[in-house]
C-alpha atoms as a PDB file:
ATOM      1  CA  UNK A   1     204.263  28.132 140.299  1.00  0.00           C
ATOM      2  CA  UNK A   2     201.103  25.489 139.087  1.00  0.00           C
ATOM      3  CA  UNK A   3     198.643  24.386 141.407  1.00  0.00           C
ATOM      4  CA  UNK A   4     197.486  21.248 140.649  1.00  0.00           C
ATOM      5  CA  UNK A   5     193.246  20.291 141.980  1.00  0.00           C
ATOM      6  CA  UNK A   6     193.564  18.233 145.000  1.00  0.00           C
ATOM      7  CA  UNK A   7     192.685  14.721 144.254  1.00  0.00           C
ATOM      8  CA  UNK A   8     192.174  13.535 147.710  1.00  0.00           C
ATOM      9  CA  UNK A   9     190.391  15.912 150.549  1.00  0.00           C
ATOM     10  CA  UNK A  10     192.592  18.219 152.389  1.00  0.00           C
ATOM     11  CA  UNK A  11     195.479  17.296 149.386  1.00  0.00           C
ATOM     12  CA  UNK A  12     197.385  19.951 147.341  1.00  0.00           C
ATOM     13  CA  UNK A  13     199.715  19.768 145.076  1.00  0.00           C
ATOM     14  CA  UNK A  14     201.916  22.721 144.287  1.00  0.00           C
ATOM     15  CA  UNK A  15     204.818  22.367 141.907  1.00  0.00           C
ATOM     16  CA  UNK A  16     207.149  24.783 139.896  1.00  0.00           C
ATOM     17  CA  UNK A  17     209.537  27.738 141.525  1.00  0.00           C
ATOM     18  CA  UNK A  18     207.620  27.759 144.621  1.00  0.00           C
ATOM     19  CA  UNK A  19     208.093  29.749 147.434  1.00  0.00           C
ATOM     20  CA  UNK A  20     210.694  27.508 149.481  1.00  0.00           C
ATOM     21  CA  UNK A  21     209.984  25.932 153.065  1.00  0.00           C
ATOM     22  CA  UNK A  22     212.245  28.907 154.987  1.00  0.00           C
ATOM     23  CA  UNK A  23     210.873  31.676 153.284  1.00  0.00           C
ATOM     24  CA  UNK A  24     207.281  30.228 154.336  1.00  0.00           C
ATOM     25  CA  UNK A  25     208.460  29.795 157.881  1.00  0.00           C
ATOM     26  CA  UNK A  26     209.803  33.873 158.056  1.00  0.00           C
ATOM     27  CA  UNK A  27     206.732  35.075 156.918  1.00  0.00           C
ATOM     28  CA  UNK A  28     205.368  32.501 160.079  1.00  0.00           C
ATOM     29  CA  UNK A  29     207.748  34.018 162.679  1.00  0.00           C
ATOM     30  CA  UNK A  30     207.424  37.612 160.894  1.00  0.00           C
ATOM     31  CA  UNK A  31     203.234  37.254 161.354  1.00  0.00           C
ATOM     32  CA  UNK A  32     203.509  35.947 164.901  1.00  0.00           C
ATOM     33  CA  UNK A  33     205.998  37.716 166.654  1.00  0.00           C
ATOM     34  CA  UNK A  34     205.742  39.148 169.898  1.00  0.00           C
ATOM     35  CA  UNK A  35     208.296  42.395 168.487  1.00  0.00           C
ATOM     36  CA  UNK A  36     205.936  43.003 165.785  1.00  0.00           C
ATOM     37  CA  UNK A  37     204.678  46.409 165.908  1.00  0.00           C
ATOM     38  CA  UNK A  38     200.715  46.867 166.757  1.00  0.00           C
ATOM     39  CA  UNK A  39     198.526  49.206 164.630  1.00  0.00           C
ATOM     40  CA  UNK A  40     197.546  52.636 167.018  1.00  0.00           C
ATOM     41  CA  UNK A  41     193.901  52.093 168.012  1.00  0.00           C
ATOM     42  CA  UNK A  42     192.666  55.636 166.063  1.00  0.00           C
ATOM     43  CA  UNK A  43     194.162  56.711 162.959  1.00  0.00           C
ATOM     44  CA  UNK A  44     193.752  60.957 163.029  1.00  0.00           C
ATOM     45  CA  UNK A  45     193.998  63.573 160.195  1.00  0.00           C
ATOM     46  CA  UNK A  46     194.562  66.919 160.474  1.00  0.00           C
ATOM     47  CA  UNK A  47     193.699  68.865 158.225  1.00  0.00           C
ATOM     48  CA  UNK A  48     194.290  72.191 158.572  1.00  0.00           C
ATOM     49  CA  UNK A  49     195.518  75.908 157.707  1.00  0.00           C
ATOM     50  CA  UNK A  50     197.822  77.901 158.905  1.00  0.00           C
ATOM     51  CA  UNK A  51     194.599  80.252 160.357  1.00  0.00           C
ATOM     52  CA  UNK A  52     193.783  77.246 162.751  1.00  0.00           C
ATOM     53  CA  UNK A  53     197.145  75.977 163.659  1.00  0.00           C
ATOM     54  CA  UNK A  54     197.305  72.106 165.532  1.00  0.00           C
ATOM     55  CA  UNK A  55     198.327  72.614 169.103  1.00  0.00           C
ATOM     56  CA  UNK A  56     201.415  72.833 169.705  1.00  0.00           C
ATOM     57  CA  UNK A  57     201.524  70.374 172.414  1.00  0.00           C
ATOM     58  CA  UNK A  58     198.796  67.578 173.102  1.00  0.00           C
ATOM     59  CA  UNK A  59     198.912  64.071 174.631  1.00  0.00           C
ATOM     60  CA  UNK A  60     197.711  62.203 171.565  1.00  0.00           C
ATOM     61  CA  UNK A  61     201.460  60.168 171.496  1.00  0.00           C
ATOM     62  CA  UNK A  62     201.683  56.612 172.373  1.00  0.00           C
ATOM     63  CA  UNK A  63     199.990  53.367 171.020  1.00  0.00           C
ATOM     64  CA  UNK A  64     196.566  54.499 171.135  1.00  0.00           C
ATOM     65  CA  UNK A  65     196.484  57.579 168.156  1.00  0.00           C
ATOM     66  CA  UNK A  66     199.083  58.172 165.606  1.00  0.00           C
ATOM     67  CA  UNK A  67     197.839  61.481 164.154  1.00  0.00           C
ATOM     68  CA  UNK A  68     199.225  62.543 160.889  1.00  0.00           C
ATOM     69  CA  UNK A  69     198.855  66.788 160.418  1.00  0.00           C
ATOM     70  CA  UNK A  70     197.472  67.889 156.685  1.00  0.00           C
ATOM     71  CA  UNK A  71     198.967  71.769 156.308  1.00  0.00           C
ATOM     72  CA  UNK A  72     196.643  72.585 153.261  1.00  0.00           C
ATOM     73  CA  UNK A  73     198.029  75.670 152.581  1.00  0.00           C
ATOM     74  CA  UNK A  74     201.649  74.323 152.228  1.00  0.00           C
ATOM     75  CA  UNK A  75     201.697  75.440 148.357  1.00  0.00           C
ATOM     76  CA  UNK A  76     200.495  78.314 148.395  1.00  0.00           C
ATOM     77  CA  UNK A  77     203.589  78.688 150.999  1.00  0.00           C
ATOM     78  CA  UNK A  78     205.768  77.526 147.961  1.00  0.00           C
ATOM     79  CA  UNK A  79     204.318  79.137 145.324  1.00  0.00           C
ATOM     80  CA  UNK A  80     205.175  82.474 147.382  1.00  0.00           C
ATOM     81  CA  UNK A  81     208.617  81.287 147.579  1.00  0.00           C
ATOM     82  CA  UNK A  82     208.598  80.584 143.275  1.00  0.00           C
ATOM     83  CA  UNK A  83     207.388  83.210 142.233  1.00  0.00           C
ATOM     84  CA  UNK A  84     209.235  86.356 144.930  1.00  0.00           C
ATOM     85  CA  UNK A  85     210.152  88.931 142.274  1.00  0.00           C
ATOM     86  CA  UNK A  86     209.943  86.608 139.012  1.00  0.00           C
ATOM     87  CA  UNK A  87     211.759  88.613 136.216  1.00  0.00           C
ATOM     88  CA  UNK A  88     208.268  89.886 134.135  1.00  0.00           C
ATOM     89  CA  UNK A  89     209.903  87.943 131.032  1.00  0.00           C
ATOM     90  CA  UNK A  90     207.765  85.140 131.116  1.00  0.00           C
ATOM     91  CA  UNK A  91     211.197  82.890 129.749  1.00  0.00           C
ATOM     92  CA  UNK A  92     213.565  84.305 132.319  1.00  0.00           C
ATOM     93  CA  UNK A  93     210.332  83.678 134.986  1.00  0.00           C
ATOM     94  CA  UNK A  94     209.939  80.571 133.823  1.00  0.00           C
ATOM     95  CA  UNK A  95     213.929  79.531 133.929  1.00  0.00           C
ATOM     96  CA  UNK A  96     213.933  80.797 137.210  1.00  0.00           C
ATOM     97  CA  UNK A  97     211.042  79.172 139.203  1.00  0.00           C
ATOM     98  CA  UNK A  98     212.666  76.132 138.047  1.00  0.00           C
ATOM     99  CA  UNK A  99     215.802  76.916 139.669  1.00  0.00           C
ATOM    100  CA  UNK A 100     214.354  77.719 143.008  1.00  0.00           C
ATOM    101  CA  UNK A 101     211.633  74.564 143.024  1.00  0.00           C
ATOM    102  CA  UNK A 102     214.960  72.492 142.040  1.00  0.00           C
ATOM    103  CA  UNK A 103     216.453  74.186 144.911  1.00  0.00           C
ATOM    104  CA  UNK A 104     214.101  73.612 147.809  1.00  0.00           C
ATOM    105  CA  UNK A 105     215.535  71.406 150.810  1.00  0.00           C
ATOM    106  CA  UNK A 106     214.861  68.049 151.144  1.00  0.00           C
ATOM    107  CA  UNK A 107     212.076  69.188 154.487  1.00  0.00           C
ATOM    108  CA  UNK A 108     210.872  71.826 152.121  1.00  0.00           C
ATOM    109  CA  UNK A 109     210.152  68.239 148.729  1.00  0.00           C
ATOM    110  CA  UNK A 110     208.574  66.813 152.182  1.00  0.00           C
ATOM    111  CA  UNK A 111     206.394  69.437 152.834  1.00  0.00           C
ATOM    112  CA  UNK A 112     204.946  70.137 149.086  1.00  0.00           C
ATOM    113  CA  UNK A 113     204.580  65.622 149.566  1.00  0.00           C
ATOM    114  CA  UNK A 114     202.660  65.490 152.699  1.00  0.00           C
ATOM    115  CA  UNK A 115     200.587  68.903 151.631  1.00  0.00           C
ATOM    116  CA  UNK A 116     199.146  67.797 147.768  1.00  0.00           C
ATOM    117  CA  UNK A 117     198.810  64.163 150.048  1.00  0.00           C
ATOM    118  CA  UNK A 118     196.554  65.825 152.123  1.00  0.00           C
ATOM    119  CA  UNK A 119     194.791  68.181 149.376  1.00  0.00           C
ATOM    120  CA  UNK A 120     194.082  64.088 148.153  1.00  0.00           C
ATOM    121  CA  UNK A 121     192.999  63.081 150.987  1.00  0.00           C
ATOM    122  CA  UNK A 122     190.718  66.504 152.069  1.00  0.00           C
ATOM    123  CA  UNK A 123     189.005  66.109 148.750  1.00  0.00           C
ATOM    124  CA  UNK A 124     188.382  62.163 148.911  1.00  0.00           C
ATOM    125  CA  UNK A 125     186.900  62.708 152.442  1.00  0.00           C
ATOM    126  CA  UNK A 126     184.517  65.370 150.645  1.00  0.00           C
ATOM    127  CA  UNK A 127     186.039  68.144 153.600  1.00  0.00           C
ATOM    128  CA  UNK A 128     184.039  71.263 152.941  1.00  0.00           C
ATOM    129  CA  UNK A 129     186.096  73.027 156.054  1.00  0.00           C
ATOM    130  CA  UNK A 130     188.877  73.438 158.098  1.00  0.00           C
ATOM    131  CA  UNK A 131     190.018  72.566 160.463  1.00  0.00           C
ATOM    132  CA  UNK A 132     189.005  69.125 160.598  1.00  0.00           C
ATOM    133  CA  UNK A 133     189.965  65.678 161.878  1.00  0.00           C
ATOM    134  CA  UNK A 134     189.183  62.641 160.318  1.00  0.00           C
ATOM    135  CA  UNK A 135     189.532  59.565 162.889  1.00  0.00           C
ATOM    136  CA  UNK A 136     189.731  55.951 161.488  1.00  0.00           C
ATOM    137  CA  UNK A 137     188.644  57.960 157.735  1.00  0.00           C
ATOM    138  CA  UNK A 138     184.972  56.871 158.780  1.00  0.00           C
ATOM    139  CA  UNK A 139     184.475  60.030 161.396  1.00  0.00           C
ATOM    140  CA  UNK A 140     184.923  63.454 160.629  1.00  0.00           C
ATOM    141  CA  UNK A 141     185.105  66.654 163.205  1.00  0.00           C
ATOM    142  CA  UNK A 142     184.735  70.162 162.151  1.00  0.00           C
ATOM    143  CA  UNK A 143     186.594  72.911 164.553  1.00  0.00           C
ATOM    144  CA  UNK A 144     188.788  70.361 166.282  1.00  0.00           C
ATOM    145  CA  UNK A 145     192.506  70.499 166.199  1.00  0.00           C
ATOM    146  CA  UNK A 146     192.963  68.338 169.090  1.00  0.00           C
ATOM    147  CA  UNK A 147     193.587  65.107 168.310  1.00  0.00           C
ATOM    148  CA  UNK A 148     192.801  63.686 171.856  1.00  0.00           C
ATOM    149  CA  UNK A 149     189.755  65.857 172.149  1.00  0.00           C
ATOM    150  CA  UNK A 150     188.733  64.785 168.527  1.00  0.00           C
ATOM    151  CA  UNK A 151     189.032  61.120 169.499  1.00  0.00           C
ATOM    152  CA  UNK A 152     186.763  60.866 172.766  1.00  0.00           C
ATOM    153  CA  UNK A 153     184.169  62.660 170.675  1.00  0.00           C
ATOM    154  CA  UNK A 154     184.450  59.168 168.289  1.00  0.00           C
ATOM    155  CA  UNK A 155     184.082  57.819 171.355  1.00  0.00           C
ATOM    156  CA  UNK A 156     181.305  59.146 172.835  1.00  0.00           C
ATOM    157  CA  UNK A 157     179.572  58.636 169.017  1.00  0.00           C
ATOM    158  CA  UNK A 158     180.558  54.878 168.693  1.00  0.00           C
ATOM    159  CA  UNK A 159     179.034  54.286 172.194  1.00  0.00           C
ATOM    160  CA  UNK A 160     182.808  53.281 173.028  1.00  0.00           C
ATOM    161  CA  UNK A 161     184.495  53.502 177.037  1.00  0.00           C
ATOM    162  CA  UNK A 162     186.762  56.667 176.570  1.00  0.00           C
ATOM    163  CA  UNK A 163     190.431  57.368 176.858  1.00  0.00           C
END
């Protein structure tokens, strides 16, 4: 696609392999559709370990809060599974660990990805202890595992009306 500078105010010329009018219409309908999904007002990330499990029941569901839980002990648990009763010979142990790794279930693989993502995010946020909750990527609250309580503290910090 090539662009030629306007020759008159408000005139623009596109030529070449341009996007057709139907593609623009589809994009416009997608962006303005009343059926489009709105982002939750609060993105809450809970960074925790087995010593501080998240609450089994919380009322952080709905359109205002999206909760993502990162269980940071996941790699240690996976290591325990993979290294359980490995033979003392390095080559045999390596082969057995590789077989066990290949046999991980979809759920275990998803948990491993979530743990790795959580560890990277915790490092990016500079978290120093757990549990920790990060709200909208800008505020950290230590010692909390209840997302609603964390959002209320965030709202007070921002001077907003509470949920």
